[in-house]
Amino acid sequence: MRFFFGFVVLIFLAGLGIWSVQKYKSYDFKAQTIQGEASLHTFDGKYKIVYFGYMSCPDVCPATLGMLQEALDELKAQGSDLSDVVVLFITLDPKRDNIKALDSYAKHFYANAYGLRLGEHTLQAVLDRYGVKREIVPLQNSKLGYSISHSSSLYLFDKQGFLTNEISNLATIKESLADFFANH
């Protein structure tokens, strides 16, 4: 009986290990930054806040990034050490967002932010894994040609690269971030 119990525990632990490796890998990606190629592994040892948006977004992106900036500023003012926090802003519009401008845009909201660009095929696979919704909406009589309708969740990864939380209710962003940093 002891042997059977030990065998069951061993199988459970092996399954848990495989699940955790797959969980980590399922959210990883390779993207271009102004420093070259990067992935989630590039930022190991740091808390990672991942957001998908685009530079010419008229409302959702600047509002979300502004709320994130405000929440991080408030936490820092309350004594939180945020030196190990990075924001990864992944463009939903790789055709129009050039990497240098994208990085500058992200840093406008948070100094330790990075603009990332993936190829269209890779981007769609990553969006599917994260569950991000994106729809290209044609704009007639507009020089932009199209807009992008998209979800606005923030994805929080711990220092080991595990997705620990998704913030979809932006009204709770400060509380969610405080809880995340306190418990991870």
C-alpha atoms as a PDB file:
ATOM      1  CA  MET A   1       0.000   0.000   0.000  1.00  0.00           C
ATOM      2  CA  ARG A   2       2.857   2.365   0.854  1.00  0.00           C
ATOM      3  CA  PHE A   3       4.404   1.669  -2.554  1.00  0.00           C
ATOM      4  CA  PHE A   4       1.108   2.447  -4.304  1.00  0.00           C
ATOM      5  CA  PHE A   5       0.679   5.730  -2.386  1.00  0.00           C
ATOM      6  CA  GLY A   6       4.264   6.723  -3.174  1.00  0.00           C
ATOM      7  CA  PHE A   7       3.703   5.900  -6.852  1.00  0.00           C
ATOM      8  CA  VAL A   8       0.532   8.035  -6.970  1.00  0.00           C
ATOM      9  CA  VAL A   9       2.354  10.975  -5.334  1.00  0.00           C
ATOM     10  CA  LEU A  10       5.245  10.614  -7.787  1.00  0.00           C
ATOM     11  CA  ILE A  11       2.874  10.611 -10.776  1.00  0.00           C
ATOM     12  CA  PHE A  12       1.046  13.648  -9.372  1.00  0.00           C
ATOM     13  CA  LEU A  13       4.293  15.595  -8.891  1.00  0.00           C
ATOM     14  CA  ALA A  14       5.518  14.679 -12.364  1.00  0.00           C
ATOM     15  CA  GLY A  15       2.215  15.857 -13.842  1.00  0.00           C
ATOM     16  CA  LEU A  16       2.392  19.080 -11.874  1.00  0.00           C
ATOM     17  CA  GLY A  17       5.919  19.690 -13.125  1.00  0.00           C
ATOM     18  CA  ILE A  18       4.936  19.089 -16.744  1.00  0.00           C
ATOM     19  CA  TRP A  19       1.877  21.336 -16.349  1.00  0.00           C
ATOM     20  CA  SER A  20       3.951  24.185 -14.885  1.00  0.00           C
ATOM     21  CA  VAL A  21       6.518  23.976 -17.706  1.00  0.00           C
ATOM     22  CA  GLN A  22       3.755  23.934 -20.319  1.00  0.00           C
ATOM     23  CA  LYS A  23       1.966  26.800 -18.571  1.00  0.00           C
ATOM     24  CA  TYR A  24       5.132  28.912 -18.740  1.00  0.00           C
ATOM     25  CA  LYS A  25       5.898  28.050 -22.349  1.00  0.00           C
ATOM     26  CA  SER A  26       2.359  28.641 -23.530  1.00  0.00           C
ATOM     27  CA  TYR A  27       2.651  32.377 -22.820  1.00  0.00           C
ATOM     28  CA  ASP A  28       6.201  32.889 -24.073  1.00  0.00           C
ATOM     29  CA  PHE A  29       6.927  34.608 -27.376  1.00  0.00           C
ATOM     30  CA  LYS A  30       9.790  36.077 -29.360  1.00  0.00           C
ATOM     31  CA  ALA A  31       9.435  39.721 -30.305  1.00  0.00           C
ATOM     32  CA  GLN A  32      11.518  42.581 -31.651  1.00  0.00           C
ATOM     33  CA  THR A  33      12.548  45.429 -29.344  1.00  0.00           C
ATOM     34  CA  ILE A  34      14.911  48.338 -29.920  1.00  0.00           C
ATOM     35  CA  GLN A  35      17.571  46.173 -28.214  1.00  0.00           C
ATOM     36  CA  GLY A  36      16.941  43.197 -30.545  1.00  0.00           C
ATOM     37  CA  GLU A  37      14.972  40.005 -30.027  1.00  0.00           C
ATOM     38  CA  ALA A  38      13.296  39.472 -26.643  1.00  0.00           C
ATOM     39  CA  SER A  39      10.978  36.997 -24.949  1.00  0.00           C
ATOM     40  CA  LEU A  40       9.467  36.618 -21.492  1.00  0.00           C
ATOM     41  CA  HIS A  41      12.745  34.903 -20.519  1.00  0.00           C
ATOM     42  CA  THR A  42      14.596  38.145 -21.298  1.00  0.00           C
ATOM     43  CA  PHE A  43      12.895  39.630 -18.248  1.00  0.00           C
ATOM     44  CA  ASP A  44      13.394  36.722 -15.821  1.00  0.00           C
ATOM     45  CA  GLY A  45      13.808  37.968 -12.263  1.00  0.00           C
ATOM     46  CA  LYS A  46      11.367  40.822 -12.851  1.00  0.00           C
ATOM     47  CA  TYR A  47       7.630  41.183 -12.482  1.00  0.00           C
ATOM     48  CA  LYS A  48       6.137  41.502 -15.955  1.00  0.00           C
ATOM     49  CA  ILE A  49       2.965  43.364 -16.864  1.00  0.00           C
ATOM     50  CA  VAL A  50       1.969  42.519 -20.443  1.00  0.00           C
ATOM     51  CA  TYR A  51      -0.460  44.685 -22.383  1.00  0.00           C
ATOM     52  CA  PHE A  52      -1.585  44.420 -26.005  1.00  0.00           C
ATOM     53  CA  GLY A  53      -2.449  47.653 -27.811  1.00  0.00           C
ATOM     54  CA  TYR A  54      -1.283  49.976 -30.564  1.00  0.00           C
ATOM     55  CA  MET A  55       0.009  53.503 -30.873  1.00  0.00           C
ATOM     56  CA  SER A  56      -2.799  55.072 -32.914  1.00  0.00           C
ATOM     57  CA  CYS A  57      -5.477  53.706 -30.579  1.00  0.00           C
ATOM     58  CA  PRO A  58      -7.663  56.707 -29.791  1.00  0.00           C
ATOM     59  CA  ASP A  59      -9.043  55.662 -26.417  1.00  0.00           C
ATOM     60  CA  VAL A  60      -8.555  52.210 -24.858  1.00  0.00           C
ATOM     61  CA  CYS A  61      -4.745  52.065 -24.969  1.00  0.00           C
ATOM     62  CA  PRO A  62      -3.923  55.530 -23.622  1.00  0.00           C
ATOM     63  CA  ALA A  63      -6.620  55.181 -20.953  1.00  0.00           C
ATOM     64  CA  THR A  64      -5.390  51.735 -19.850  1.00  0.00           C
ATOM     65  CA  LEU A  65      -1.714  52.718 -19.881  1.00  0.00           C
ATOM     66  CA  GLY A  66      -2.561  55.951 -18.040  1.00  0.00           C
ATOM     67  CA  MET A  67      -4.442  54.026 -15.352  1.00  0.00           C
ATOM     68  CA  LEU A  68      -1.534  51.595 -15.063  1.00  0.00           C
ATOM     69  CA  GLN A  69       0.905  54.488 -14.754  1.00  0.00           C
ATOM     70  CA  GLU A  70      -1.226  56.130 -12.060  1.00  0.00           C
ATOM     71  CA  ALA A  71      -1.528  52.881 -10.078  1.00  0.00           C
ATOM     72  CA  LEU A  72       2.224  52.199 -10.257  1.00  0.00           C
ATOM     73  CA  ASP A  73       3.012  55.807  -9.270  1.00  0.00           C
ATOM     74  CA  GLU A  74       0.675  55.545  -6.265  1.00  0.00           C
ATOM     75  CA  LEU A  75       2.216  52.248  -5.146  1.00  0.00           C
ATOM     76  CA  LYS A  76       5.692  53.739  -5.465  1.00  0.00           C
ATOM     77  CA  ALA A  77       4.624  56.812  -3.465  1.00  0.00           C
ATOM     78  CA  GLN A  78       3.377  54.450  -0.739  1.00  0.00           C
ATOM     79  CA  GLY A  79       6.833  52.888  -0.496  1.00  0.00           C
ATOM     80  CA  SER A  80       6.663  49.957  -2.913  1.00  0.00           C
ATOM     81  CA  ASP A  81       9.949  49.157  -4.634  1.00  0.00           C
ATOM     82  CA  LEU A  82       9.044  48.850  -8.303  1.00  0.00           C
ATOM     83  CA  SER A  83      12.586  48.641  -9.676  1.00  0.00           C
ATOM     84  CA  ASP A  84      11.938  45.013 -10.607  1.00  0.00           C
ATOM     85  CA  VAL A  85       8.719  45.726 -12.565  1.00  0.00           C
ATOM     86  CA  VAL A  86       8.628  45.943 -16.362  1.00  0.00           C
ATOM     87  CA  VAL A  87       5.726  46.754 -18.636  1.00  0.00           C
ATOM     88  CA  LEU A  88       5.723  44.956 -21.976  1.00  0.00           C
ATOM     89  CA  PHE A  89       3.571  46.798 -24.522  1.00  0.00           C
ATOM     90  CA  ILE A  90       2.966  44.459 -27.474  1.00  0.00           C
ATOM     91  CA  THR A  91       1.609  46.137 -30.572  1.00  0.00           C
ATOM     92  CA  LEU A  92      -1.547  44.872 -32.207  1.00  0.00           C
ATOM     93  CA  ASP A  93      -0.596  46.868 -35.317  1.00  0.00           C
ATOM     94  CA  PRO A  94       2.819  45.674 -36.502  1.00  0.00           C
ATOM     95  CA  LYS A  95       2.200  47.209 -39.949  1.00  0.00           C
ATOM     96  CA  ARG A  96       2.076  50.793 -38.639  1.00  0.00           C
ATOM     97  CA  ASP A  97       3.921  50.749 -35.305  1.00  0.00           C
ATOM     98  CA  ASN A  98       7.657  51.011 -35.816  1.00  0.00           C
ATOM     99  CA  ILE A  99       9.727  49.638 -32.979  1.00  0.00           C
ATOM    100  CA  LYS A 100      11.544  52.856 -31.990  1.00  0.00           C
ATOM    101  CA  ALA A 101       8.345  54.926 -31.761  1.00  0.00           C
ATOM    102  CA  LEU A 102       6.570  52.037 -30.012  1.00  0.00           C
ATOM    103  CA  ASP A 103       9.248  51.851 -27.332  1.00  0.00           C
ATOM    104  CA  SER A 104       9.144  55.615 -26.832  1.00  0.00           C
ATOM    105  CA  TYR A 105       5.335  55.512 -26.557  1.00  0.00           C
ATOM    106  CA  ALA A 106       5.488  52.779 -23.894  1.00  0.00           C
ATOM    107  CA  LYS A 107       8.159  54.672 -21.914  1.00  0.00           C
ATOM    108  CA  HIS A 108       5.957  57.780 -21.936  1.00  0.00           C
ATOM    109  CA  PHE A 109       3.656  55.921 -19.534  1.00  0.00           C
ATOM    110  CA  TYR A 110       6.265  53.990 -17.511  1.00  0.00           C
ATOM    111  CA  ALA A 111      10.026  54.472 -17.628  1.00  0.00           C
ATOM    112  CA  ASN A 112      10.742  50.737 -17.326  1.00  0.00           C
ATOM    113  CA  ALA A 113       8.488  49.799 -20.245  1.00  0.00           C
ATOM    114  CA  TYR A 114       9.371  48.184 -23.539  1.00  0.00           C
ATOM    115  CA  GLY A 115       7.633  48.295 -26.888  1.00  0.00           C
ATOM    116  CA  LEU A 116       7.514  44.896 -28.578  1.00  0.00           C
ATOM    117  CA  ARG A 117       6.549  43.944 -32.109  1.00  0.00           C
ATOM    118  CA  LEU A 118       5.801  40.460 -33.416  1.00  0.00           C
ATOM    119  CA  GLY A 119       5.249  39.357 -36.995  1.00  0.00           C
ATOM    120  CA  GLU A 120       1.592  39.096 -37.982  1.00  0.00           C
ATOM    121  CA  HIS A 121       1.518  35.273 -38.023  1.00  0.00           C
ATOM    122  CA  THR A 122       3.307  35.005 -34.668  1.00  0.00           C
ATOM    123  CA  LEU A 123       1.162  37.777 -33.209  1.00  0.00           C
ATOM    124  CA  GLN A 124      -2.069  35.943 -33.984  1.00  0.00           C
ATOM    125  CA  ALA A 125      -0.777  32.747 -32.338  1.00  0.00           C
ATOM    126  CA  VAL A 126       0.216  34.712 -29.207  1.00  0.00           C
ATOM    127  CA  LEU A 127      -3.144  36.504 -29.106  1.00  0.00           C
ATOM    128  CA  ASP A 128      -4.898  33.153 -29.265  1.00  0.00           C
ATOM    129  CA  ARG A 129      -2.822  31.785 -26.368  1.00  0.00           C
ATOM    130  CA  TYR A 130      -3.520  34.841 -24.211  1.00  0.00           C
ATOM    131  CA  GLY A 131      -7.188  35.014 -25.199  1.00  0.00           C
ATOM    132  CA  VAL A 132      -6.833  38.559 -26.542  1.00  0.00           C
ATOM    133  CA  LYS A 133      -9.608  39.714 -28.858  1.00  0.00           C
ATOM    134  CA  ARG A 134      -8.670  41.836 -31.878  1.00  0.00           C
ATOM    135  CA  GLU A 135     -10.665  42.935 -34.890  1.00  0.00           C
ATOM    136  CA  ILE A 136      -9.455  45.174 -37.673  1.00  0.00           C
ATOM    137  CA  VAL A 137     -12.210  47.674 -38.467  1.00  0.00           C
ATOM    138  CA  PRO A 138     -12.052  49.429 -41.878  1.00  0.00           C
ATOM    139  CA  LEU A 139     -12.472  53.212 -41.695  1.00  0.00           C
ATOM    140  CA  GLN A 140     -13.867  54.705 -44.874  1.00  0.00           C
ATOM    141  CA  ASN A 141     -12.826  58.278 -45.635  1.00  0.00           C
ATOM    142  CA  SER A 142     -10.006  58.114 -43.084  1.00  0.00           C
ATOM    143  CA  LYS A 143      -6.298  58.458 -43.739  1.00  0.00           C
ATOM    144  CA  LEU A 144      -5.717  55.753 -41.140  1.00  0.00           C
ATOM    145  CA  GLY A 145      -7.582  53.248 -43.292  1.00  0.00           C
ATOM    146  CA  TYR A 146      -8.493  51.076 -40.320  1.00  0.00           C
ATOM    147  CA  SER A 147      -8.784  50.957 -36.565  1.00  0.00           C
ATOM    148  CA  ILE A 148      -8.378  47.991 -34.266  1.00  0.00           C
ATOM    149  CA  SER A 149     -11.028  46.970 -31.778  1.00  0.00           C
ATOM    150  CA  HIS A 150      -9.430  44.968 -28.945  1.00  0.00           C
ATOM    151  CA  SER A 151      -9.664  43.742 -25.378  1.00  0.00           C
ATOM    152  CA  SER A 152      -7.815  45.680 -22.683  1.00  0.00           C
ATOM    153  CA  SER A 153      -6.658  43.161 -20.084  1.00  0.00           C
ATOM    154  CA  LEU A 154      -3.332  43.369 -18.298  1.00  0.00           C
ATOM    155  CA  TYR A 155      -1.461  40.090 -17.767  1.00  0.00           C
ATOM    156  CA  LEU A 156       0.675  39.816 -14.628  1.00  0.00           C
ATOM    157  CA  PHE A 157       3.648  37.461 -14.570  1.00  0.00           C
ATOM    158  CA  ASP A 158       5.728  36.722 -11.491  1.00  0.00           C
ATOM    159  CA  LYS A 159       9.532  36.822 -11.476  1.00  0.00           C
ATOM    160  CA  GLN A 160       9.726  33.210 -12.636  1.00  0.00           C
ATOM    161  CA  GLY A 161       7.524  33.923 -15.647  1.00  0.00           C
ATOM    162  CA  PHE A 162       4.279  32.335 -14.491  1.00  0.00           C
ATOM    163  CA  LEU A 163       1.017  34.071 -15.363  1.00  0.00           C
ATOM    164  CA  THR A 164      -0.559  34.731 -11.992  1.00  0.00           C
ATOM    165  CA  ASN A 165      -3.352  37.167 -12.746  1.00  0.00           C
ATOM    166  CA  GLU A 166      -5.288  38.849 -15.512  1.00  0.00           C
ATOM    167  CA  ILE A 167      -6.712  42.270 -14.751  1.00  0.00           C
ATOM    168  CA  SER A 168      -9.760  42.801 -16.922  1.00  0.00           C
ATOM    169  CA  ASN A 169     -11.606  45.111 -14.518  1.00  0.00           C
ATOM    170  CA  LEU A 170      -9.438  48.209 -14.727  1.00  0.00           C
ATOM    171  CA  ALA A 171     -11.347  49.860 -11.875  1.00  0.00           C
ATOM    172  CA  THR A 172      -9.462  47.501  -9.535  1.00  0.00           C
ATOM    173  CA  ILE A 173      -6.033  47.952 -11.085  1.00  0.00           C
ATOM    174  CA  LYS A 174      -4.283  49.485  -8.053  1.00  0.00           C
ATOM    175  CA  GLU A 175      -5.669  46.913  -5.623  1.00  0.00           C
ATOM    176  CA  SER A 176      -4.903  44.052  -8.021  1.00  0.00           C
ATOM    177  CA  LEU A 177      -1.313  45.234  -8.479  1.00  0.00           C
ATOM    178  CA  ALA A 178      -0.781  45.742  -4.738  1.00  0.00           C
ATOM    179  CA  ASP A 179      -2.077  42.226  -4.073  1.00  0.00           C
ATOM    180  CA  PHE A 180       0.078  40.809  -6.867  1.00  0.00           C
ATOM    181  CA  PHE A 181       3.292  42.396  -5.571  1.00  0.00           C
ATOM    182  CA  ALA A 182       2.527  41.456  -1.956  1.00  0.00           C
ATOM    183  CA  ASN A 183       1.839  37.797  -2.747  1.00  0.00           C
ATOM    184  CA  HIS A 184       4.428  37.050  -5.407  1.00  0.00           C
END
